[in-house]
Amino acid sequence: MTGHSFWSEAFFGVFMVQIALISDTHGFLDNAAVAAIQDVDEIWHAGDIGDPCVLDRLPPQPKKRMVFGNIDNNELRSTFKEELLFEIEGLKVLMMHIGGSPPRYARGVKGKIKSLKPDLFVCGHSHICKVVYDDTLNCLYMNPGAIGNQGFHLIKTMLKFQIENGKIQRLEVIELGRRGSL
């Protein structure tokens, strides 16, 4: 028999969670983006949702983990937190909207990472897709770029990956066309 079945993985304790990481929708989520996030277990949104109607376009099945961003209104700010700290499959994650980028983090972020010791730090805001390991903080940094049409980015981007036994696996950058295109 080739491959692994669900039962053999479950029996031996190997579980994978498929994640779609998006940010900076700014009130817009096109059909290509919706199609790209259909097959995931969780959707993480790193802020600047922009309009609650974006949430209605997300597939209903995946679990959602979201933070609000600097453009989000009071309704979104009262629904979501400014930052999330959670553990998933043995991976400790800190997510917020404005985080800067290694080695120049936003004010207070480096200290927060040092004290909370996440394995993964997720942010948005810059509209620049970037994944880098910060050796000084022993932390993986991820910013999915921007998936909406507002901003200076040229290409809409998001990240997809799996978490297995506390490790990021099969990371891919998904390009969803030029900003302004449907």
N, C-alpha and C. Protein backbone atom coordinates (compact mmCIF):
# COMPACT_ATOMS: atom_id res chain seq x y z
N MET A 1 0.85 -1.18 0.00
CA MET A 1 0.00 0.00 0.00
C MET A 1 0.89 1.24 0.00
N THR A 2 0.61 2.20 -0.85
CA THR A 2 1.41 3.43 -0.91
C THR A 2 0.67 4.56 -0.24
N GLY A 3 1.42 5.56 0.20
CA GLY A 3 0.81 6.74 0.82
C GLY A 3 0.38 6.48 2.25
N HIS A 4 -0.21 7.48 2.83
CA HIS A 4 -0.70 7.38 4.20
C HIS A 4 -2.20 7.58 4.20
N SER A 5 -2.88 6.82 4.96
CA SER A 5 -4.32 7.03 5.12
C SER A 5 -4.54 7.89 6.36
N PHE A 6 -5.72 8.42 6.45
CA PHE A 6 -6.06 9.22 7.63
C PHE A 6 -5.87 8.39 8.90
N TRP A 7 -6.31 7.12 8.84
CA TRP A 7 -6.27 6.30 10.05
C TRP A 7 -4.85 6.02 10.49
N SER A 8 -3.94 5.77 9.55
CA SER A 8 -2.57 5.51 9.97
C SER A 8 -1.94 6.78 10.55
N GLU A 9 -2.26 7.94 9.96
CA GLU A 9 -1.74 9.20 10.50
C GLU A 9 -2.32 9.46 11.89
N ALA A 10 -3.61 9.23 12.05
CA ALA A 10 -4.24 9.46 13.34
C ALA A 10 -3.69 8.49 14.39
N PHE A 11 -3.49 7.24 13.99
CA PHE A 11 -2.98 6.24 14.91
C PHE A 11 -1.58 6.58 15.41
N PHE A 12 -0.74 7.09 14.52
CA PHE A 12 0.64 7.41 14.89
C PHE A 12 0.80 8.85 15.38
N GLY A 13 -0.27 9.61 15.49
CA GLY A 13 -0.22 10.95 16.04
C GLY A 13 0.32 12.01 15.10
N VAL A 14 0.25 11.79 13.80
CA VAL A 14 0.70 12.78 12.83
C VAL A 14 -0.52 13.54 12.33
N PHE A 15 -0.59 14.80 12.66
CA PHE A 15 -1.71 15.62 12.23
C PHE A 15 -1.17 16.86 11.53
N MET A 16 -1.84 17.27 10.48
CA MET A 16 -1.47 18.47 9.75
C MET A 16 -2.67 19.40 9.71
N VAL A 17 -2.39 20.67 9.83
CA VAL A 17 -3.43 21.68 9.71
C VAL A 17 -3.03 22.59 8.56
N GLN A 18 -3.93 22.74 7.59
CA GLN A 18 -3.69 23.59 6.42
C GLN A 18 -4.16 25.02 6.75
N ILE A 19 -3.26 25.99 6.57
CA ILE A 19 -3.54 27.39 6.92
C ILE A 19 -3.51 28.26 5.67
N ALA A 20 -4.45 29.19 5.56
CA ALA A 20 -4.40 30.27 4.58
C ALA A 20 -4.17 31.55 5.38
N LEU A 21 -3.11 32.26 5.07
CA LEU A 21 -2.77 33.50 5.77
C LEU A 21 -2.97 34.66 4.80
N ILE A 22 -3.89 35.56 5.17
CA ILE A 22 -4.19 36.72 4.33
C ILE A 22 -4.11 37.98 5.18
N SER A 23 -4.03 39.12 4.50
CA SER A 23 -4.01 40.40 5.19
C SER A 23 -4.42 41.50 4.22
N ASP A 24 -4.79 42.62 4.78
CA ASP A 24 -5.02 43.84 4.00
C ASP A 24 -5.99 43.63 2.84
N THR A 25 -7.17 43.10 3.17
CA THR A 25 -8.22 42.98 2.17
C THR A 25 -8.79 44.36 1.83
N HIS A 26 -8.80 45.27 2.78
CA HIS A 26 -9.30 46.63 2.56
C HIS A 26 -10.68 46.63 1.91
N GLY A 27 -11.54 45.72 2.37
CA GLY A 27 -12.92 45.68 1.89
C GLY A 27 -13.13 44.93 0.59
N PHE A 28 -12.11 44.22 0.09
CA PHE A 28 -12.23 43.54 -1.19
C PHE A 28 -11.61 42.15 -1.14
N LEU A 29 -12.37 41.16 -1.58
CA LEU A 29 -11.87 39.80 -1.67
C LEU A 29 -12.42 39.20 -2.96
N ASP A 30 -11.55 39.00 -3.95
CA ASP A 30 -12.02 38.56 -5.26
C ASP A 30 -12.25 37.05 -5.31
N ASN A 31 -12.83 36.59 -6.41
CA ASN A 31 -13.16 35.18 -6.56
C ASN A 31 -11.94 34.28 -6.55
N ALA A 32 -10.82 34.74 -7.11
CA ALA A 32 -9.59 33.94 -7.11
C ALA A 32 -9.11 33.70 -5.68
N ALA A 33 -9.21 34.70 -4.85
CA ALA A 33 -8.80 34.56 -3.45
C ALA A 33 -9.72 33.60 -2.71
N VAL A 34 -11.01 33.73 -2.94
CA VAL A 34 -11.98 32.84 -2.30
C VAL A 34 -11.71 31.39 -2.72
N ALA A 35 -11.43 31.18 -4.00
CA ALA A 35 -11.13 29.82 -4.49
C ALA A 35 -9.85 29.28 -3.86
N ALA A 36 -8.87 30.14 -3.63
CA ALA A 36 -7.58 29.70 -3.08
C ALA A 36 -7.66 29.29 -1.61
N ILE A 37 -8.71 29.71 -0.92
CA ILE A 37 -8.81 29.41 0.51
C ILE A 37 -9.91 28.39 0.83
N GLN A 38 -10.46 27.75 -0.17
CA GLN A 38 -11.54 26.78 0.03
C GLN A 38 -11.10 25.53 0.76
N ASP A 39 -9.87 25.09 0.54
CA ASP A 39 -9.44 23.77 1.01
C ASP A 39 -8.65 23.80 2.31
N VAL A 40 -8.74 24.86 3.08
CA VAL A 40 -7.92 24.99 4.28
C VAL A 40 -8.72 24.65 5.54
N ASP A 41 -7.97 24.37 6.61
CA ASP A 41 -8.59 24.12 7.90
C ASP A 41 -8.82 25.40 8.69
N GLU A 42 -7.90 26.37 8.48
CA GLU A 42 -8.01 27.66 9.17
C GLU A 42 -7.64 28.80 8.24
N ILE A 43 -8.31 29.93 8.44
CA ILE A 43 -7.97 31.17 7.74
C ILE A 43 -7.53 32.17 8.79
N TRP A 44 -6.33 32.69 8.61
CA TRP A 44 -5.81 33.73 9.49
C TRP A 44 -5.80 35.03 8.70
N HIS A 45 -6.37 36.08 9.29
CA HIS A 45 -6.39 37.41 8.66
C HIS A 45 -5.63 38.37 9.56
N ALA A 46 -4.52 38.91 9.05
CA ALA A 46 -3.64 39.77 9.85
C ALA A 46 -4.01 41.25 9.77
N GLY A 47 -5.28 41.55 9.68
CA GLY A 47 -5.76 42.91 9.84
C GLY A 47 -5.98 43.72 8.57
N ASP A 48 -6.62 44.88 8.77
CA ASP A 48 -7.13 45.74 7.70
C ASP A 48 -8.14 44.98 6.85
N ILE A 49 -9.15 44.49 7.53
CA ILE A 49 -10.27 43.81 6.88
C ILE A 49 -11.00 44.82 6.00
N GLY A 50 -11.25 45.99 6.54
CA GLY A 50 -11.79 47.10 5.76
C GLY A 50 -13.30 47.20 5.76
N ASP A 51 -13.98 46.11 5.52
CA ASP A 51 -15.44 46.11 5.46
C ASP A 51 -15.91 44.73 5.92
N PRO A 52 -16.88 44.69 6.84
CA PRO A 52 -17.37 43.39 7.32
C PRO A 52 -17.90 42.48 6.21
N CYS A 53 -18.27 43.03 5.05
CA CYS A 53 -18.78 42.19 3.96
C CYS A 53 -17.72 41.21 3.47
N VAL A 54 -16.45 41.52 3.68
CA VAL A 54 -15.37 40.60 3.32
C VAL A 54 -15.53 39.29 4.08
N LEU A 55 -15.95 39.37 5.32
CA LEU A 55 -16.11 38.17 6.15
C LEU A 55 -17.16 37.23 5.59
N ASP A 56 -18.19 37.80 4.95
CA ASP A 56 -19.25 36.99 4.35
C ASP A 56 -18.76 36.22 3.13
N ARG A 57 -17.67 36.66 2.51
CA ARG A 57 -17.12 35.98 1.33
C ARG A 57 -16.20 34.83 1.70
N LEU A 58 -15.80 34.75 2.97
CA LEU A 58 -14.92 33.67 3.41
C LEU A 58 -15.70 32.36 3.48
N PRO A 59 -15.08 31.24 3.11
CA PRO A 59 -15.77 29.96 3.24
C PRO A 59 -16.18 29.72 4.69
N PRO A 60 -17.36 29.17 4.94
CA PRO A 60 -17.84 29.04 6.31
C PRO A 60 -17.15 27.96 7.14
N GLN A 61 -16.60 26.92 6.50
CA GLN A 61 -16.08 25.78 7.23
C GLN A 61 -14.80 26.06 8.01
N PRO A 62 -13.79 26.70 7.43
CA PRO A 62 -12.54 26.84 8.18
C PRO A 62 -12.70 27.71 9.43
N LYS A 63 -11.91 27.37 10.43
CA LYS A 63 -11.83 28.21 11.62
C LYS A 63 -11.16 29.52 11.21
N LYS A 64 -11.61 30.63 11.79
CA LYS A 64 -11.03 31.93 11.49
C LYS A 64 -10.32 32.50 12.71
N ARG A 65 -9.12 33.03 12.48
CA ARG A 65 -8.37 33.74 13.51
C ARG A 65 -8.02 35.08 12.87
N MET A 66 -8.50 36.17 13.48
CA MET A 66 -8.35 37.48 12.86
C MET A 66 -8.03 38.54 13.89
N VAL A 67 -7.27 39.52 13.44
CA VAL A 67 -7.00 40.71 14.24
C VAL A 67 -7.47 41.92 13.44
N PHE A 68 -7.76 43.01 14.14
CA PHE A 68 -8.13 44.22 13.41
C PHE A 68 -6.87 45.01 13.06
N GLY A 69 -7.01 45.85 12.04
CA GLY A 69 -5.91 46.69 11.59
C GLY A 69 -6.23 48.16 11.78
N ASN A 70 -5.31 49.00 11.39
CA ASN A 70 -5.45 50.44 11.62
C ASN A 70 -6.57 51.08 10.83
N ILE A 71 -7.04 50.50 9.73
CA ILE A 71 -8.14 51.10 8.97
C ILE A 71 -9.51 50.56 9.40
N ASP A 72 -9.53 49.57 10.25
CA ASP A 72 -10.79 48.91 10.61
C ASP A 72 -11.63 49.77 11.54
N ASN A 73 -12.94 49.76 11.28
CA ASN A 73 -13.87 50.60 12.03
C ASN A 73 -14.19 50.00 13.41
N ASN A 74 -15.02 50.71 14.15
CA ASN A 74 -15.36 50.28 15.51
C ASN A 74 -16.06 48.93 15.55
N GLU A 75 -16.88 48.64 14.54
CA GLU A 75 -17.56 47.33 14.49
C GLU A 75 -16.53 46.20 14.44
N LEU A 76 -15.54 46.32 13.57
CA LEU A 76 -14.50 45.29 13.46
C LEU A 76 -13.61 45.28 14.69
N ARG A 77 -13.32 46.45 15.25
CA ARG A 77 -12.49 46.53 16.45
C ARG A 77 -13.19 45.90 17.66
N SER A 78 -14.51 45.97 17.69
CA SER A 78 -15.22 45.36 18.82
C SER A 78 -15.41 43.85 18.61
N THR A 79 -15.28 43.39 17.37
CA THR A 79 -15.43 41.97 17.05
C THR A 79 -14.12 41.21 17.21
N PHE A 80 -13.01 41.83 16.82
CA PHE A 80 -11.71 41.17 16.82
C PHE A 80 -10.74 41.87 17.76
N LYS A 81 -9.68 41.18 18.13
CA LYS A 81 -8.67 41.74 19.02
C LYS A 81 -7.56 42.40 18.21
N GLU A 82 -6.77 43.22 18.89
CA GLU A 82 -5.63 43.87 18.25
C GLU A 82 -4.49 42.87 18.02
N GLU A 83 -4.39 41.89 18.91
CA GLU A 83 -3.37 40.85 18.74
C GLU A 83 -3.90 39.53 19.28
N LEU A 84 -3.36 38.46 18.73
CA LEU A 84 -3.71 37.11 19.18
C LEU A 84 -2.43 36.36 19.52
N LEU A 85 -2.49 35.60 20.59
CA LEU A 85 -1.43 34.67 20.96
C LEU A 85 -2.12 33.33 21.14
N PHE A 86 -1.71 32.34 20.36
CA PHE A 86 -2.35 31.03 20.43
C PHE A 86 -1.35 29.95 20.06
N GLU A 87 -1.71 28.71 20.39
CA GLU A 87 -0.89 27.56 20.03
C GLU A 87 -1.72 26.64 19.16
N ILE A 88 -1.10 26.12 18.12
CA ILE A 88 -1.77 25.21 17.21
C ILE A 88 -0.79 24.12 16.82
N GLU A 89 -1.18 22.88 17.08
CA GLU A 89 -0.33 21.72 16.75
C GLU A 89 1.10 21.88 17.24
N GLY A 90 1.27 22.44 18.44
CA GLY A 90 2.59 22.59 19.03
C GLY A 90 3.36 23.82 18.58
N LEU A 91 2.75 24.69 17.78
CA LEU A 91 3.39 25.92 17.30
C LEU A 91 2.76 27.11 18.01
N LYS A 92 3.57 27.91 18.67
CA LYS A 92 3.09 29.11 19.36
C LYS A 92 3.14 30.29 18.39
N VAL A 93 2.00 30.97 18.22
CA VAL A 93 1.85 32.02 17.21
C VAL A 93 1.43 33.33 17.87
N LEU A 94 2.09 34.41 17.47
CA LEU A 94 1.69 35.77 17.84
C LEU A 94 1.31 36.49 16.55
N MET A 95 0.10 37.06 16.52
CA MET A 95 -0.38 37.75 15.32
C MET A 95 -0.90 39.13 15.69
N MET A 96 -0.49 40.14 14.91
CA MET A 96 -0.99 41.51 15.03
C MET A 96 -0.89 42.16 13.66
N HIS A 97 -1.48 43.31 13.49
CA HIS A 97 -1.46 43.94 12.17
C HIS A 97 -0.14 44.68 11.91
N ILE A 98 0.18 45.63 12.75
CA ILE A 98 1.39 46.43 12.54
C ILE A 98 2.53 45.82 13.35
N GLY A 99 3.50 45.25 12.64
CA GLY A 99 4.59 44.58 13.34
C GLY A 99 5.97 44.97 12.87
N GLY A 100 6.04 45.72 11.76
CA GLY A 100 7.35 46.02 11.22
C GLY A 100 7.91 44.79 10.52
N SER A 101 9.23 44.72 10.45
CA SER A 101 9.89 43.62 9.76
C SER A 101 11.30 43.47 10.31
N PRO A 102 11.78 42.23 10.43
CA PRO A 102 13.13 42.05 10.95
C PRO A 102 14.16 42.79 10.08
N PRO A 103 15.11 43.46 10.66
CA PRO A 103 15.35 43.63 12.09
C PRO A 103 14.65 44.86 12.68
N ARG A 104 13.90 45.58 11.85
CA ARG A 104 13.24 46.82 12.30
C ARG A 104 11.76 46.57 12.57
N TYR A 105 11.49 46.11 13.75
CA TYR A 105 10.11 45.88 14.16
C TYR A 105 9.46 47.19 14.58
N ALA A 106 8.14 47.21 14.56
CA ALA A 106 7.40 48.38 15.06
C ALA A 106 7.67 48.53 16.56
N ARG A 107 7.46 49.72 17.05
CA ARG A 107 7.72 50.03 18.46
C ARG A 107 7.05 49.02 19.39
N GLY A 108 7.83 48.45 20.28
CA GLY A 108 7.33 47.53 21.29
C GLY A 108 7.20 46.08 20.84
N VAL A 109 7.29 45.83 19.55
CA VAL A 109 7.06 44.48 19.04
C VAL A 109 8.21 43.55 19.38
N LYS A 110 9.44 44.01 19.22
CA LYS A 110 10.59 43.16 19.52
C LYS A 110 10.56 42.71 20.99
N GLY A 111 10.26 43.62 21.88
CA GLY A 111 10.15 43.28 23.30
C GLY A 111 9.04 42.28 23.57
N LYS A 112 7.93 42.44 22.86
CA LYS A 112 6.80 41.51 23.01
C LYS A 112 7.20 40.12 22.54
N ILE A 113 7.90 40.04 21.40
CA ILE A 113 8.36 38.74 20.90
C ILE A 113 9.34 38.12 21.89
N LYS A 114 10.24 38.93 22.44
CA LYS A 114 11.20 38.41 23.42
C LYS A 114 10.50 37.86 24.66
N SER A 115 9.48 38.54 25.13
CA SER A 115 8.82 38.10 26.36
C SER A 115 7.84 36.94 26.13
N LEU A 116 7.12 36.93 25.02
CA LEU A 116 6.13 35.89 24.76
C LEU A 116 6.72 34.64 24.10
N LYS A 117 7.86 34.81 23.44
CA LYS A 117 8.59 33.71 22.80
C LYS A 117 7.75 32.87 21.83
N PRO A 118 7.09 33.52 20.86
CA PRO A 118 6.37 32.72 19.87
C PRO A 118 7.35 32.04 18.91
N ASP A 119 6.91 30.94 18.32
CA ASP A 119 7.68 30.29 17.27
C ASP A 119 7.47 31.00 15.93
N LEU A 120 6.29 31.62 15.80
CA LEU A 120 5.89 32.29 14.56
C LEU A 120 5.29 33.65 14.91
N PHE A 121 5.78 34.69 14.25
CA PHE A 121 5.21 36.03 14.38
C PHE A 121 4.59 36.40 13.04
N VAL A 122 3.30 36.75 13.06
CA VAL A 122 2.54 37.08 11.86
C VAL A 122 2.06 38.51 11.95
N CYS A 123 2.26 39.26 10.86
CA CYS A 123 1.70 40.61 10.79
C CYS A 123 1.34 40.94 9.35
N GLY A 124 0.73 42.07 9.15
CA GLY A 124 0.38 42.58 7.83
C GLY A 124 0.90 44.00 7.69
N HIS A 125 0.06 44.88 7.19
CA HIS A 125 0.26 46.33 7.14
C HIS A 125 1.19 46.82 6.03
N SER A 126 2.31 46.16 5.80
CA SER A 126 3.30 46.69 4.84
C SER A 126 2.91 46.44 3.39
N HIS A 127 2.00 45.51 3.15
CA HIS A 127 1.61 45.07 1.80
C HIS A 127 2.78 44.40 1.08
N ILE A 128 3.80 43.98 1.81
CA ILE A 128 4.97 43.32 1.24
C ILE A 128 5.01 41.89 1.76
N CYS A 129 4.91 40.94 0.86
CA CYS A 129 4.97 39.53 1.23
C CYS A 129 6.42 39.20 1.61
N LYS A 130 6.58 38.69 2.83
CA LYS A 130 7.93 38.38 3.31
C LYS A 130 7.86 37.27 4.35
N VAL A 131 8.78 36.31 4.20
CA VAL A 131 8.94 35.25 5.19
C VAL A 131 10.42 35.14 5.46
N VAL A 132 10.80 35.28 6.73
CA VAL A 132 12.22 35.22 7.09
C VAL A 132 12.34 34.70 8.52
N TYR A 133 13.38 33.94 8.77
CA TYR A 133 13.64 33.50 10.13
C TYR A 133 14.53 34.52 10.81
N ASP A 134 14.10 35.01 11.96
CA ASP A 134 14.88 35.98 12.74
C ASP A 134 15.71 35.22 13.76
N ASP A 135 16.99 35.05 13.46
CA ASP A 135 17.90 34.32 14.35
C ASP A 135 18.05 34.98 15.70
N THR A 136 17.96 36.31 15.74
CA THR A 136 18.16 37.01 17.02
C THR A 136 17.01 36.75 17.99
N LEU A 137 15.82 36.47 17.45
CA LEU A 137 14.65 36.22 18.31
C LEU A 137 14.20 34.76 18.27
N ASN A 138 14.88 33.93 17.51
CA ASN A 138 14.48 32.53 17.34
C ASN A 138 13.00 32.41 16.97
N CYS A 139 12.62 33.15 15.94
CA CYS A 139 11.22 33.25 15.57
C CYS A 139 11.09 33.39 14.05
N LEU A 140 10.14 32.67 13.48
CA LEU A 140 9.83 32.82 12.06
C LEU A 140 8.89 34.00 11.89
N TYR A 141 9.20 34.88 10.96
CA TYR A 141 8.39 36.07 10.65
C TYR A 141 7.64 35.80 9.34
N MET A 142 6.32 36.09 9.34
CA MET A 142 5.52 35.97 8.12
C MET A 142 4.63 37.18 7.94
N ASN A 143 4.66 37.73 6.74
CA ASN A 143 3.73 38.77 6.31
C ASN A 143 3.23 38.32 4.94
N PRO A 144 1.91 38.10 4.79
CA PRO A 144 1.40 37.57 3.52
C PRO A 144 1.29 38.61 2.41
N GLY A 145 1.64 39.86 2.69
CA GLY A 145 1.42 40.91 1.70
C GLY A 145 -0.03 41.36 1.77
N ALA A 146 -0.56 41.83 0.66
CA ALA A 146 -1.94 42.33 0.62
C ALA A 146 -2.73 41.57 -0.42
N ILE A 147 -3.98 41.26 -0.06
CA ILE A 147 -4.84 40.50 -0.96
C ILE A 147 -5.94 41.38 -1.55
N GLY A 148 -6.05 42.61 -1.07
CA GLY A 148 -7.07 43.53 -1.58
C GLY A 148 -6.57 44.41 -2.71
N ASN A 149 -7.40 45.37 -3.10
CA ASN A 149 -7.05 46.25 -4.22
C ASN A 149 -6.55 47.62 -3.79
N GLN A 150 -6.59 47.92 -2.51
CA GLN A 150 -6.11 49.22 -2.03
C GLN A 150 -4.65 49.12 -1.61
N GLY A 151 -3.86 50.14 -1.94
CA GLY A 151 -2.48 50.16 -1.49
C GLY A 151 -1.50 50.27 -2.65
N PHE A 152 -0.24 50.19 -2.35
CA PHE A 152 0.80 50.39 -3.35
C PHE A 152 1.33 49.09 -3.95
N HIS A 153 0.94 47.94 -3.42
CA HIS A 153 1.42 46.67 -3.94
C HIS A 153 0.97 46.48 -5.40
N LEU A 154 1.76 45.79 -6.17
CA LEU A 154 1.41 45.54 -7.57
C LEU A 154 0.67 44.22 -7.74
N ILE A 155 1.08 43.21 -6.96
CA ILE A 155 0.49 41.87 -7.06
C ILE A 155 -0.17 41.51 -5.74
N LYS A 156 -1.38 40.98 -5.81
CA LYS A 156 -2.08 40.51 -4.62
C LYS A 156 -1.47 39.16 -4.21
N THR A 157 -1.12 39.03 -2.92
CA THR A 157 -0.47 37.81 -2.45
C THR A 157 -1.09 37.31 -1.15
N MET A 158 -0.89 36.04 -0.92
CA MET A 158 -1.27 35.39 0.33
C MET A 158 -0.30 34.23 0.55
N LEU A 159 -0.34 33.64 1.72
CA LEU A 159 0.50 32.48 2.03
C LEU A 159 -0.39 31.29 2.40
N LYS A 160 0.04 30.11 1.99
CA LYS A 160 -0.59 28.87 2.44
C LYS A 160 0.51 27.95 2.94
N PHE A 161 0.21 27.24 4.01
CA PHE A 161 1.18 26.31 4.57
C PHE A 161 0.47 25.31 5.45
N GLN A 162 1.22 24.31 5.86
CA GLN A 162 0.71 23.32 6.79
C GLN A 162 1.52 23.39 8.07
N ILE A 163 0.86 23.08 9.16
CA ILE A 163 1.54 22.96 10.44
C ILE A 163 1.46 21.49 10.84
N GLU A 164 2.62 20.91 11.06
CA GLU A 164 2.71 19.50 11.42
C GLU A 164 3.73 19.35 12.53
N ASN A 165 3.29 18.83 13.67
CA ASN A 165 4.18 18.61 14.82
C ASN A 165 4.98 19.86 15.18
N GLY A 166 4.32 21.01 15.21
CA GLY A 166 4.97 22.24 15.61
C GLY A 166 5.86 22.87 14.56
N LYS A 167 5.82 22.38 13.34
CA LYS A 167 6.68 22.88 12.26
C LYS A 167 5.84 23.35 11.08
N ILE A 168 6.33 24.42 10.43
CA ILE A 168 5.72 24.90 9.19
C ILE A 168 6.21 24.00 8.05
N GLN A 169 5.28 23.49 7.27
CA GLN A 169 5.60 22.62 6.15
C GLN A 169 4.92 23.14 4.88
N ARG A 170 5.48 22.86 3.76
CA ARG A 170 4.87 23.13 2.45
C ARG A 170 4.37 24.56 2.29
N LEU A 171 5.20 25.50 2.66
CA LEU A 171 4.87 26.92 2.54
C LEU A 171 4.86 27.32 1.07
N GLU A 172 3.82 28.02 0.67
CA GLU A 172 3.77 28.55 -0.69
C GLU A 172 3.20 29.96 -0.72
N VAL A 173 3.75 30.76 -1.60
CA VAL A 173 3.24 32.10 -1.86
C VAL A 173 2.26 31.97 -3.02
N ILE A 174 1.05 32.47 -2.82
CA ILE A 174 0.03 32.44 -3.86
C ILE A 174 -0.10 33.85 -4.41
N GLU A 175 0.12 34.01 -5.71
CA GLU A 175 -0.08 35.30 -6.38
C GLU A 175 -1.45 35.26 -7.03
N LEU A 176 -2.23 36.31 -6.82
CA LEU A 176 -3.62 36.35 -7.27
C LEU A 176 -3.89 37.46 -8.28
N GLY A 177 -2.90 37.79 -9.05
CA GLY A 177 -3.09 38.79 -10.09
C GLY A 177 -2.73 40.19 -9.63
N ARG A 178 -2.79 41.10 -10.56
CA ARG A 178 -2.43 42.47 -10.29
C ARG A 178 -3.48 43.18 -9.44
N ARG A 179 -3.00 44.09 -8.61
CA ARG A 179 -3.92 44.92 -7.81
C ARG A 179 -4.87 45.63 -8.77
N GLY A 180 -6.11 45.63 -8.43
CA GLY A 180 -7.11 46.28 -9.28
C GLY A 180 -7.81 45.32 -10.23
N SER A 181 -7.25 44.13 -10.41
CA SER A 181 -7.90 43.15 -11.29
C SER A 181 -8.90 42.32 -10.51
N LEU A 182 -9.85 41.77 -11.20
CA LEU A 182 -10.84 40.91 -10.55
C LEU A 182 -10.39 39.49 -10.71
